[in-house]
Amino acid sequence: MQTTEIRETWTALYARLSLDDGNVGESMSIQSQKAILTRKAEELGIYNYQFYVDDGYSGTNFNRPSFQQMIADIEAGKVTCVITKDLSRLGRNYLESGAYIEVFFPKHQVRYIAVNDGVDSANSGEMDITPFKNILNEFYSRDVSKKVKSGKYIRASQGKFMGTHAPFGYQKDPEDKNHLIADEETAPTVRYIFQLALQGMGNNKIGKILYEQKIPKPAYYKPEYFGKFLVKEDDAYNWKQETIIRILRNPLYKGYFWVQKYDKKHFKQETRGYIPMSERTIIPSDHDALVDEHTWDTVQEILDRHTKVKPCTSGYENKFRGILKCADCGSTLMVHTDGRNKEKPVIERTFYQCRIYRVRGTGFCSQHRINADDLEELVLADIQTHAKRVIKNREKFMRKVLGQMDTTAANNRENIQKKLEKLEKKLLESDRQFIKLYEDFTKQLVSEQQFRMLSTHFEQEKKETTEEIEKLKTTADNLKDSTCKAEQLANEMVECAEIKELTTAIVNRLIEKIEVSEPQTIDGEKVQNIRIFYKFVGEIN
């Protein structure tokens, strides 16, 4: 005699709460949903039920642990009925929700009930409105997504840190989780990396120095990485080049923020898209800067140059990497070391040549050759000369530099301010005259033709005055900016007053570019014009 297996079945009471629902109130809590579901089941005479609960999961994503377990139990024939508080608890994606309600549940002979929405698949008439309610639930999720995204963007735009974990070199302020303060344990490492980069060292060389000095990398400070990523002792000091470049490129360390590094184009998208650095918005913040702005900006210039100019492999330290330019064709001068006479010091065998000449020949440019030792001596002497001038008479040096920056005495702050006051009075008087004209027109003291003619005159005069005011304000801003730049160069020069040897770090901090002309013979003597352009101010004659 054949026996029939009797399988135990039950009703699934499904409850879900997402992080976005967390502030709605007690009516949305898991406890409240359980009470509603229990009451409904017992009203229907159902006492054999099990709870399936997903706490902290979005309704737009159906990859939830308890939901998937419920689906598996349905497929195994263990669940005969599913009850939720409302349709949105099942899910907020109307396509997938509809697929479960209208296809999956009927296929497995599962009754579906949404208590507050009055949906019960046992009553077919009640199901007609279900697809529309699912669409409304998805619109709700879309709206919540926009509001959350907008809120985060606004707070980030205000200079507030929105990350889960503080970046390397920082810790979250105990009194304000959206404010960063320097971490005294790791901040020195960040500063050290920037100092090494300022000396012209590439990412690979910086990594080797950090490894040799046993300086721990960021993962060392994350206990969860031990045994997983930090298996051997050396792993803690084995810096990757990507980690170093991320630190050097991050404006966070000069006191600024990227408003967004990633973006979701659609609220259903599970992963966020990467925003290229060139397209990110950078804003100032009030958190602690680990390096000054000039150091950070200089390091960015060095990194940009290094991507275009290969390092020297002869043993000579190329202090002018990417800085030397051909005065005629504008291309970079490349460093070369003569392989002969190796008994001589490497600097005496090293010289620079125009890249275009080297690659394409005399038909395109000439050598513009200059010996490395001669160039170093010349640049060092020029820096020492200007440094002595700053120390001897700072005001005179400032006047000279500002004069060369096209900020003449006629455009000093006092003159600009007087002109601005005069123009603003003129603008105010023009507005008064226009109001008087309008009053005369309303009283019919002037004709419509006269009113239109004079109105056009006032509008044109106002436009010209406004444009002149804007130009003067721009000039004032440029003057203020020029003065700050000249002051900054003077400060840098003072720090270099006692130098006896040129270093890569000094070149990178002070010099923007050096133009090298082709040598000429004048009166039997070789003459070569070298123009040095300093940071902030340009050439100083």
Protein backbone atom coordinates (compact mmCIF):
# COMPACT_ATOMS: atom_id res chain seq x y z
CA MET A 1 0.00 0.00 0.00
CA GLN A 2 1.51 3.41 -1.08
CA THR A 3 1.80 6.04 1.65
CA THR A 4 1.53 9.81 1.04
CA GLU A 5 4.11 12.04 2.76
CA ILE A 6 2.47 14.76 4.83
CA ARG A 7 4.64 17.90 4.73
CA GLU A 8 4.38 20.51 7.49
CA THR A 9 3.35 23.91 6.14
CA TRP A 10 2.93 27.32 7.71
CA THR A 11 2.06 30.96 7.04
CA ALA A 12 4.93 33.42 6.58
CA LEU A 13 4.57 36.72 8.46
CA TYR A 14 7.10 38.99 6.73
CA ALA A 15 8.30 42.26 8.30
CA ARG A 16 10.88 44.68 6.86
CA LEU A 17 12.35 47.98 8.04
CA SER A 18 14.93 50.00 6.09
CA LEU A 19 17.31 52.65 7.43
CA ASP A 20 15.28 55.30 5.57
CA ASP A 21 12.13 54.18 7.43
CA GLY A 22 13.85 54.38 10.81
CA ASN A 23 12.71 57.90 11.66
CA VAL A 24 9.09 57.49 10.58
CA GLY A 25 7.79 56.41 14.01
CA GLU A 26 6.71 53.50 16.14
CA SER A 27 4.02 52.47 13.64
CA MET A 28 6.77 51.33 11.25
CA SER A 29 8.87 49.44 13.84
CA ILE A 30 9.45 45.72 13.57
CA GLN A 31 7.59 45.18 16.87
CA SER A 32 4.58 47.09 15.55
CA GLN A 33 4.57 45.12 12.28
CA LYS A 34 4.76 41.82 14.17
CA ALA A 35 1.74 42.79 16.28
CA ILE A 36 -0.31 43.73 13.19
CA LEU A 37 0.65 40.51 11.37
CA THR A 38 -0.10 38.30 14.38
CA ARG A 39 -3.50 39.90 14.91
CA LYS A 40 -4.42 39.48 11.22
CA ALA A 41 -3.31 35.84 11.12
CA GLU A 42 -5.29 34.94 14.24
CA GLU A 43 -8.36 36.81 12.90
CA LEU A 44 -8.18 34.44 9.91
CA GLY A 45 -7.84 31.44 12.25
CA ILE A 46 -4.16 30.94 11.36
CA TYR A 47 -1.99 29.94 14.32
CA ASN A 48 0.77 27.97 12.61
CA TYR A 49 2.99 30.79 11.41
CA GLN A 50 6.64 31.83 11.34
CA PHE A 51 8.20 35.30 11.26
CA TYR A 52 10.65 36.35 8.56
CA VAL A 53 12.29 39.66 9.47
CA ASP A 54 14.73 41.93 7.55
CA ASP A 55 15.75 44.86 9.71
CA GLY A 56 17.78 47.60 7.96
CA TYR A 57 17.20 46.50 4.33
CA SER A 58 15.94 48.68 1.48
CA GLY A 59 12.71 47.76 -0.26
CA THR A 60 14.26 48.42 -3.69
CA ASN A 61 16.57 45.42 -3.30
CA PHE A 62 15.11 41.91 -2.95
CA ASN A 63 18.42 40.33 -2.02
CA ARG A 64 17.51 40.30 1.68
CA PRO A 65 18.43 37.27 3.84
CA SER A 66 15.04 36.56 5.45
CA PHE A 67 13.13 37.35 2.25
CA GLN A 68 15.31 34.93 0.30
CA GLN A 69 14.82 32.29 3.00
CA MET A 70 11.05 32.78 2.71
CA ILE A 71 11.26 32.36 -1.08
CA ALA A 72 13.28 29.15 -0.63
CA ASP A 73 10.67 27.82 1.81
CA ILE A 74 7.89 28.65 -0.68
CA GLU A 75 9.75 26.78 -3.42
CA ALA A 76 10.13 23.84 -1.03
CA GLY A 77 6.35 23.82 -0.50
CA LYS A 78 6.58 24.81 3.17
CA VAL A 79 4.76 28.16 2.97
CA THR A 80 1.12 28.42 1.90
CA CYS A 81 0.40 32.07 2.76
CA VAL A 82 2.42 35.30 3.03
CA ILE A 83 1.21 38.27 5.08
CA THR A 84 2.83 41.73 5.17
CA LYS A 85 1.76 44.95 6.87
CA ASP A 86 1.41 46.64 3.46
CA LEU A 87 2.66 46.26 -0.11
CA SER A 88 5.73 48.42 0.53
CA ARG A 89 7.00 45.96 3.19
CA LEU A 90 7.23 43.29 0.46
CA GLY A 91 9.19 45.68 -1.75
CA ARG A 92 9.27 49.10 -3.41
CA ASN A 93 10.34 48.00 -6.89
CA TYR A 94 7.01 47.73 -8.70
CA LEU A 95 8.29 45.37 -11.42
CA GLU A 96 9.75 42.78 -9.05
CA SER A 97 6.95 43.20 -6.48
CA GLY A 98 4.42 42.63 -9.26
CA ALA A 99 6.33 39.56 -10.43
CA TYR A 100 6.14 37.98 -6.96
CA ILE A 101 2.48 38.92 -6.33
CA GLU A 102 1.06 38.14 -9.79
CA VAL A 103 3.33 35.30 -10.99
CA PHE A 104 5.48 33.66 -8.31
CA PHE A 105 2.92 33.38 -5.51
CA PRO A 106 0.07 32.08 -7.75
CA LYS A 107 2.48 29.59 -9.39
CA HIS A 108 3.27 28.09 -5.96
CA GLN A 109 -0.33 28.37 -4.77
CA VAL A 110 0.57 30.88 -2.07
CA ARG A 111 -2.04 33.28 -0.78
CA TYR A 112 -0.77 36.86 -0.35
CA ILE A 113 -2.22 39.42 2.08
CA ALA A 114 -1.19 43.07 2.57
CA VAL A 115 -3.12 44.11 5.69
CA ASN A 116 -3.23 47.91 5.54
CA ASP A 117 -3.68 48.03 1.74
CA GLY A 118 -6.67 45.65 1.87
CA VAL A 119 -5.03 43.22 -0.57
CA ASP A 120 -5.88 39.52 -0.39
CA SER A 121 -5.20 37.29 -3.39
CA ALA A 122 -8.06 35.05 -2.22
CA ASN A 123 -10.36 37.88 -3.34
CA SER A 124 -9.40 38.55 -6.97
CA GLY A 125 -11.22 41.89 -7.13
CA GLU A 126 -8.92 43.41 -4.50
CA MET A 127 -5.85 42.68 -6.62
CA ASP A 128 -6.83 45.08 -9.46
CA ILE A 129 -5.36 48.12 -7.71
CA THR A 130 -2.20 46.33 -6.51
CA PRO A 131 0.06 47.21 -9.51
CA PHE A 132 -0.75 50.92 -9.09
CA LYS A 133 0.07 50.82 -5.37
CA ASN A 134 3.39 49.14 -6.18
CA ILE A 135 4.20 51.96 -8.62
CA LEU A 136 3.42 54.53 -5.91
CA ASN A 137 5.70 52.66 -3.49
CA GLU A 138 8.54 52.85 -6.02
CA PHE A 139 7.93 56.58 -6.48
CA TYR A 140 8.27 56.92 -2.71
CA SER A 141 11.66 55.16 -2.77
CA ARG A 142 12.78 57.33 -5.67
CA ASP A 143 11.77 60.45 -3.73
CA VAL A 144 13.52 59.28 -0.53
CA SER A 145 16.66 58.50 -2.55
CA LYS A 146 16.70 62.01 -4.03
CA LYS A 147 16.20 63.63 -0.62
CA VAL A 148 18.95 61.56 1.02
CA LYS A 149 21.34 62.25 -1.87
CA SER A 150 20.51 65.97 -1.84
CA GLY A 151 20.92 66.17 1.94
CA LYS A 152 24.33 64.52 1.82
CA TYR A 153 25.45 66.77 -1.03
CA ILE A 154 24.35 69.92 0.83
CA ARG A 155 26.19 68.89 3.98
CA ALA A 156 29.30 67.98 1.98
CA SER A 157 29.07 71.34 0.17
CA GLN A 158 29.18 73.01 3.59
CA GLY A 159 32.57 71.39 4.21
CA LYS A 160 31.25 68.62 6.47
CA PHE A 161 32.96 65.23 6.31
CA MET A 162 30.42 62.59 5.26
CA GLY A 163 32.59 59.45 5.21
CA THR A 164 32.07 56.43 7.44
CA HIS A 165 35.73 56.25 8.47
CA ALA A 166 38.23 59.08 8.90
CA PRO A 167 40.93 59.17 6.18
CA PHE A 168 44.51 58.22 7.00
CA GLY A 169 46.14 60.98 9.07
CA TYR A 170 42.84 62.03 10.67
CA GLN A 171 40.33 61.00 13.27
CA LYS A 172 36.74 62.10 13.76
CA ASP A 173 36.19 64.89 16.25
CA PRO A 174 34.58 63.31 19.36
CA GLU A 175 32.29 66.35 19.61
CA ASP A 176 31.29 66.43 15.91
CA LYS A 177 31.38 63.32 13.70
CA ASN A 178 31.33 65.50 10.55
CA HIS A 179 34.52 67.32 11.57
CA LEU A 180 38.05 65.93 11.21
CA ILE A 181 41.01 66.55 13.50
CA ALA A 182 44.62 65.47 13.01
CA ASP A 183 45.56 62.03 14.30
CA GLU A 184 48.91 62.60 16.02
CA GLU A 185 49.92 58.98 15.41
CA THR A 186 49.45 58.93 11.63
CA ALA A 187 49.53 62.62 10.58
CA PRO A 188 53.39 62.73 10.71
CA THR A 189 53.48 59.94 8.10
CA VAL A 190 51.30 61.98 5.73
CA ARG A 191 53.53 65.04 6.18
CA TYR A 192 56.64 62.90 5.60
CA ILE A 193 55.21 61.50 2.34
CA PHE A 194 54.59 65.05 1.07
CA GLN A 195 58.13 66.10 2.03
CA LEU A 196 59.59 63.15 0.10
CA ALA A 197 57.44 64.05 -2.93
CA LEU A 198 58.60 67.67 -2.65
CA GLN A 199 62.16 66.40 -3.03
CA GLY A 200 61.18 65.00 -6.43
CA MET A 201 60.87 61.36 -5.37
CA GLY A 202 58.43 59.16 -7.28
CA ASN A 203 55.83 56.89 -5.70
CA ASN A 204 58.03 53.80 -6.03
CA LYS A 205 61.00 55.45 -4.28
CA ILE A 206 58.77 56.87 -1.53
CA GLY A 207 57.37 53.37 -0.94
CA LYS A 208 60.88 51.92 -0.64
CA ILE A 209 61.90 54.56 1.91
CA LEU A 210 58.78 53.94 4.00
CA TYR A 211 59.46 50.18 3.88
CA GLU A 212 63.13 50.58 4.86
CA GLN A 213 62.19 52.84 7.77
CA LYS A 214 59.47 50.41 8.89
CA ILE A 215 56.71 53.01 8.72
CA PRO A 216 53.29 51.26 8.89
CA LYS A 217 50.81 51.67 6.06
CA PRO A 218 47.11 52.60 6.62
CA ALA A 219 45.96 48.96 6.83
CA TYR A 220 48.15 48.49 9.92
CA TYR A 221 45.79 50.74 11.87
CA LYS A 222 42.74 48.62 10.97
CA PRO A 223 42.60 45.59 13.31
CA GLU A 224 40.15 43.77 11.03
CA TYR A 225 42.90 43.48 8.38
CA PHE A 226 45.23 41.42 10.57
CA GLY A 227 45.37 37.80 9.48
CA LYS A 228 43.52 38.67 6.26
CA PHE A 229 45.71 41.23 4.50
CA LEU A 230 48.57 41.57 6.98
CA VAL A 231 49.74 37.98 7.19
CA LYS A 232 53.50 38.53 7.52
CA GLU A 233 55.23 41.21 9.55
CA ASP A 234 56.59 42.90 6.38
CA ASP A 235 53.06 43.31 5.03
CA ALA A 236 52.49 46.20 7.45
CA TYR A 237 55.29 48.23 5.79
CA ASN A 238 54.79 47.21 2.17
CA TRP A 239 53.20 50.40 0.78
CA LYS A 240 51.47 50.18 -2.59
CA GLN A 241 52.03 52.96 -5.10
CA GLU A 242 48.25 53.48 -5.40
CA THR A 243 48.04 54.22 -1.66
CA ILE A 244 50.80 56.82 -1.88
CA ILE A 245 49.34 58.56 -4.95
CA ARG A 246 45.88 58.65 -3.31
CA ILE A 247 47.38 60.49 -0.34
CA LEU A 248 49.38 62.91 -2.50
CA ARG A 249 46.42 63.72 -4.77
CA ASN A 250 43.84 64.21 -2.01
CA PRO A 251 43.06 67.92 -1.37
CA LEU A 252 41.84 66.89 2.08
CA TYR A 253 45.41 67.24 3.35
CA LYS A 254 45.58 70.95 2.45
CA GLY A 255 42.27 71.69 4.16
CA TYR A 256 39.86 71.14 1.26
CA PHE A 257 37.19 68.58 0.37
CA TRP A 258 36.03 66.72 -2.68
CA VAL A 259 32.25 67.18 -2.46
CA GLN A 260 31.71 63.84 -4.24
CA LYS A 261 34.03 61.05 -5.37
CA TYR A 262 31.29 58.62 -6.40
CA ASP A 263 27.78 59.02 -7.72
CA LYS A 264 24.67 56.90 -8.27
CA LYS A 265 22.88 57.76 -11.49
CA HIS A 266 19.74 55.86 -10.41
CA PHE A 267 18.33 54.88 -7.02
CA LYS A 268 18.10 51.19 -8.09
CA GLN A 269 21.79 51.10 -8.96
CA GLU A 270 23.60 48.97 -6.36
CA THR A 271 27.12 50.36 -6.91
CA ARG A 272 28.24 53.99 -7.19
CA GLY A 273 30.12 55.25 -10.23
CA TYR A 274 33.61 56.78 -9.92
CA ILE A 275 33.87 60.51 -10.70
CA PRO A 276 37.22 61.41 -12.36
CA MET A 277 39.39 63.82 -10.31
CA SER A 278 39.24 66.46 -13.03
CA GLU A 279 35.42 66.56 -12.77
CA ARG A 280 35.14 66.73 -8.97
CA THR A 281 34.15 69.87 -7.09
CA ILE A 282 36.73 70.99 -4.49
CA ILE A 283 35.72 73.30 -1.63
CA PRO A 284 37.58 74.69 1.41
CA SER A 285 36.79 73.21 4.82
CA ASP A 286 37.52 74.03 8.46
CA HIS A 287 39.28 70.75 9.32
CA ASP A 288 42.99 70.64 10.17
CA ALA A 289 45.30 70.86 7.14
CA LEU A 290 48.27 68.51 7.42
CA VAL A 291 50.35 70.38 4.81
CA ASP A 292 50.25 74.00 3.66
CA GLU A 293 48.49 74.83 0.41
CA HIS A 294 51.70 75.79 -1.39
CA THR A 295 53.29 72.42 -0.58
CA TRP A 296 50.22 70.54 -1.80
CA ASP A 297 49.99 72.56 -5.03
CA THR A 298 53.71 72.15 -5.68
CA VAL A 299 53.47 68.39 -5.23
CA GLN A 300 50.62 68.29 -7.79
CA GLU A 301 52.85 70.11 -10.31
CA ILE A 302 55.68 67.65 -9.63
CA LEU A 303 53.38 64.66 -10.12
CA ASP A 304 52.07 66.12 -13.38
CA ARG A 305 55.59 66.73 -14.66
CA HIS A 306 56.79 63.29 -13.66
CA THR A 307 54.09 61.62 -15.75
CA LYS A 308 55.56 63.35 -18.84
CA VAL A 309 59.31 63.18 -18.17
CA LYS A 310 61.15 59.94 -17.41
CA PRO A 311 63.55 59.87 -14.44
CA CYS A 312 67.32 59.96 -14.93
CA THR A 313 68.94 56.50 -14.67
CA SER A 314 72.62 57.50 -14.72
CA GLY A 315 72.83 58.25 -11.02
CA TYR A 316 72.55 62.02 -11.47
CA GLU A 317 69.75 63.62 -9.45
CA ASN A 318 67.75 65.57 -12.02
CA LYS A 319 66.70 68.61 -10.00
CA PHE A 320 65.03 70.24 -13.03
CA ARG A 321 62.81 67.36 -14.12
CA GLY A 322 60.08 68.82 -16.35
CA ILE A 323 61.04 72.43 -15.51
CA LEU A 324 63.54 73.21 -18.29
CA LYS A 325 61.97 74.49 -21.51
CA CYS A 326 63.40 75.28 -24.94
CA ALA A 327 63.12 79.03 -25.53
CA ASP A 328 62.42 78.49 -29.25
CA CYS A 329 60.10 75.47 -29.64
CA GLY A 330 58.79 75.28 -26.06
CA SER A 331 59.51 71.58 -25.62
CA THR A 332 61.10 70.12 -22.50
CA LEU A 333 64.88 69.81 -22.25
CA MET A 334 65.87 66.19 -21.60
CA VAL A 335 68.74 65.11 -19.37
CA HIS A 336 71.59 62.99 -20.78
CA THR A 337 74.82 61.61 -19.29
CA ASP A 338 77.92 60.94 -21.37
CA GLY A 339 78.97 57.31 -20.88
CA ARG A 340 82.62 58.09 -21.58
CA ASN A 341 85.26 59.31 -19.11
CA LYS A 342 83.53 57.61 -16.20
CA GLU A 343 86.34 58.65 -13.90
CA LYS A 344 84.80 62.14 -13.94
CA PRO A 345 81.93 63.00 -11.51
CA VAL A 346 78.52 62.24 -13.04
CA ILE A 347 77.43 65.89 -12.85
CA GLU A 348 80.33 66.94 -15.09
CA ARG A 349 79.26 64.39 -17.72
CA THR A 350 75.56 65.35 -17.59
CA PHE A 351 73.87 67.90 -19.85
CA TYR A 352 70.42 68.95 -21.08
CA GLN A 353 69.21 69.05 -24.70
CA CYS A 354 66.03 70.06 -26.50
CA ARG A 355 63.77 67.03 -26.86
CA ILE A 356 62.55 68.02 -30.34
CA TYR A 357 66.14 68.37 -31.56
CA ARG A 358 67.03 65.02 -29.99
CA VAL A 359 64.09 63.21 -31.57
CA ARG A 360 63.59 64.99 -34.92
CA GLY A 361 66.92 66.64 -35.72
CA THR A 362 68.23 70.04 -36.87
CA GLY A 363 65.36 70.57 -39.30
CA PHE A 364 63.02 71.22 -36.39
CA CYS A 365 65.13 72.81 -33.64
CA SER A 366 68.70 73.25 -32.37
CA GLN A 367 70.46 71.66 -29.39
CA HIS A 368 69.99 74.35 -26.73
CA ARG A 369 72.58 72.35 -24.82
CA ILE A 370 73.56 73.35 -21.30
CA ASN A 371 75.76 71.48 -18.84
CA ALA A 372 74.12 70.35 -15.59
CA ASP A 373 76.86 71.78 -13.34
CA ASP A 374 76.72 75.17 -15.08
CA LEU A 375 72.93 75.29 -14.75
CA GLU A 376 72.94 74.33 -11.07
CA GLU A 377 75.56 76.98 -10.31
CA LEU A 378 73.64 79.66 -12.20
CA VAL A 379 70.27 78.89 -10.55
CA LEU A 380 71.81 78.71 -7.06
CA ALA A 381 73.49 82.10 -7.56
CA ASP A 382 70.23 83.67 -8.77
CA ILE A 383 68.30 82.41 -5.73
CA GLN A 384 71.04 83.61 -3.35
CA THR A 385 71.05 87.06 -4.99
CA HIS A 386 67.30 87.55 -4.62
CA ALA A 387 67.32 86.14 -1.07
CA LYS A 388 69.95 88.74 -0.04
CA ARG A 389 67.84 91.52 -1.61
CA VAL A 390 64.80 90.46 0.42
CA ILE A 391 66.78 90.45 3.66
CA LYS A 392 68.49 93.78 2.91
CA ASN A 393 65.35 95.70 1.83
CA ARG A 394 62.13 93.73 1.72
CA GLU A 395 59.97 96.71 0.68
CA LYS A 396 62.21 97.52 -2.28
CA PHE A 397 62.14 93.88 -3.39
CA MET A 398 58.34 93.86 -3.14
CA ARG A 399 58.02 97.06 -5.22
CA LYS A 400 60.30 95.61 -7.88
CA VAL A 401 58.40 92.34 -8.09
CA LEU A 402 54.97 93.99 -8.07
CA GLY A 403 56.12 96.43 -10.77
CA GLN A 404 57.05 93.51 -12.99
CA MET A 405 53.66 91.92 -12.31
CA ASP A 406 52.01 94.93 -14.07
CA THR A 407 50.63 96.38 -10.84
CA THR A 408 51.64 100.01 -11.35
CA ALA A 409 51.36 102.81 -8.84
CA ALA A 410 48.34 104.16 -10.74
CA ASN A 411 46.46 101.01 -9.79
CA ASN A 412 47.18 100.94 -6.08
CA ARG A 413 44.44 100.17 -3.60
CA GLU A 414 43.68 103.77 -2.66
CA ASN A 415 43.18 104.93 -6.26
CA ILE A 416 40.98 101.95 -7.06
CA GLN A 417 38.86 102.53 -3.94
CA LYS A 418 38.35 106.21 -4.83
CA LYS A 419 37.28 105.30 -8.37
CA LEU A 420 34.89 102.65 -7.06
CA GLU A 421 33.25 105.11 -4.66
CA LYS A 422 32.83 107.66 -7.43
CA LEU A 423 31.28 105.13 -9.82
CA GLU A 424 28.92 103.74 -7.18
CA LYS A 425 27.70 107.29 -6.43
CA LYS A 426 27.17 107.78 -10.17
CA LEU A 427 25.17 104.55 -10.32
CA LEU A 428 23.03 105.63 -7.37
CA GLU A 429 22.40 109.06 -8.91
CA SER A 430 21.44 107.42 -12.22
CA ASP A 431 18.84 105.29 -10.40
CA ARG A 432 17.42 108.39 -8.70
CA GLN A 433 17.14 110.24 -12.00
CA PHE A 434 15.36 107.28 -13.57
CA ILE A 435 12.84 107.16 -10.70
CA LYS A 436 12.24 110.90 -11.13
CA LEU A 437 11.77 110.40 -14.87
CA TYR A 438 9.22 107.64 -14.24
CA GLU A 439 7.30 109.86 -11.82
CA ASP A 440 7.23 112.64 -14.43
CA PHE A 441 5.98 110.16 -17.01
CA THR A 442 3.14 108.96 -14.76
CA LYS A 443 2.18 112.61 -14.16
CA GLN A 444 2.31 113.13 -17.95
CA LEU A 445 5.03 115.78 -17.56
CA VAL A 446 7.08 114.01 -20.27
CA SER A 447 5.85 112.26 -23.39
CA GLU A 448 6.09 108.52 -23.98
CA GLN A 449 8.68 109.10 -26.71
CA GLN A 450 10.85 111.22 -24.36
CA PHE A 451 10.44 108.62 -21.61
CA ARG A 452 11.59 105.77 -23.88
CA MET A 453 14.53 107.76 -25.24
CA LEU A 454 15.74 108.80 -21.77
CA SER A 455 15.10 105.29 -20.37
CA THR A 456 17.39 103.82 -23.04
CA HIS A 457 20.03 106.41 -22.15
CA PHE A 458 19.84 105.57 -18.42
CA GLU A 459 19.95 101.83 -19.09
CA GLN A 460 23.04 102.17 -21.29
CA GLU A 461 24.75 104.44 -18.75
CA LYS A 462 23.94 102.00 -15.94
CA LYS A 463 25.30 99.07 -17.94
CA GLU A 464 28.58 100.89 -18.71
CA THR A 465 29.02 102.03 -15.10
CA THR A 466 28.33 98.52 -13.76
CA GLU A 467 30.87 96.99 -16.17
CA GLU A 468 33.49 99.56 -15.13
CA ILE A 469 32.83 98.79 -11.45
CA GLU A 470 33.27 95.06 -12.09
CA LYS A 471 36.56 95.66 -13.93
CA LEU A 472 37.90 97.77 -11.07
CA LYS A 473 36.87 95.13 -8.51
CA THR A 474 38.67 92.49 -10.58
CA THR A 475 41.76 94.72 -10.71
CA ALA A 476 41.57 95.18 -6.92
CA ASP A 477 41.29 91.42 -6.40
CA ASN A 478 44.24 90.82 -8.74
CA LEU A 479 46.28 93.45 -6.93
CA LYS A 480 45.52 91.86 -3.58
CA ASP A 481 46.34 88.43 -5.01
CA SER A 482 49.59 89.73 -6.54
CA THR A 483 50.69 91.24 -3.23
CA CYS A 484 50.01 87.96 -1.42
CA LYS A 485 52.00 86.06 -4.04
CA ALA A 486 54.93 88.47 -3.81
CA GLU A 487 54.86 88.16 -0.01
CA GLN A 488 54.85 84.38 -0.29
CA LEU A 489 57.87 84.39 -2.62
CA ALA A 490 59.71 86.77 -0.28
CA ASN A 491 59.07 84.42 2.64
CA GLU A 492 60.32 81.45 0.61
CA MET A 493 63.43 83.41 -0.40
CA VAL A 494 64.28 84.28 3.21
CA GLU A 495 64.21 80.58 4.11
CA CYS A 496 66.74 79.93 1.31
CA ALA A 497 69.12 82.75 2.24
CA GLU A 498 71.73 80.49 3.84
CA ILE A 499 71.68 77.63 1.32
CA LYS A 500 75.05 76.50 -0.01
CA GLU A 501 73.78 73.73 -2.28
CA LEU A 502 70.84 73.49 -4.66
CA THR A 503 68.35 70.73 -3.88
CA THR A 504 65.37 69.35 -5.77
CA ALA A 505 63.02 70.48 -2.98
CA ILE A 506 64.24 74.11 -3.26
CA VAL A 507 63.84 74.08 -7.05
CA ASN A 508 60.33 72.67 -6.77
CA ARG A 509 59.27 75.20 -4.12
CA LEU A 510 60.67 78.29 -5.84
CA ILE A 511 60.82 77.82 -9.60
CA GLU A 512 57.97 77.45 -12.08
CA LYS A 513 60.06 77.02 -15.23
CA ILE A 514 63.44 77.87 -16.78
CA GLU A 515 63.76 78.85 -20.45
CA VAL A 516 67.07 77.98 -22.14
CA SER A 517 68.11 79.72 -25.36
CA GLU A 518 70.52 78.46 -28.00
CA PRO A 519 74.11 79.57 -27.21
CA GLN A 520 75.48 82.39 -29.39
CA THR A 521 79.00 83.68 -29.97
CA ILE A 522 79.32 87.44 -29.39
CA ASP A 523 82.74 89.08 -29.78
CA GLY A 524 84.36 85.67 -29.65
CA GLU A 525 82.61 84.76 -26.39
CA LYS A 526 79.90 82.14 -25.92
CA VAL A 527 76.72 83.67 -24.52
CA GLN A 528 73.58 81.75 -23.51
CA ASN A 529 70.41 83.41 -22.25
CA ILE A 530 68.73 81.64 -19.31
CA ARG A 531 65.39 83.00 -18.03
CA ILE A 532 64.23 81.85 -14.59
CA PHE A 533 60.51 82.15 -13.82
CA TYR A 534 59.73 81.99 -10.11
CA LYS A 535 56.56 80.65 -8.52
CA PHE A 536 53.80 83.20 -7.97
CA VAL A 537 55.49 86.17 -9.71
CA GLY A 538 57.33 85.06 -12.86
CA GLU A 539 60.70 86.44 -14.02
CA ILE A 540 62.58 88.82 -11.72
CA ASN A 541 64.99 91.12 -13.58
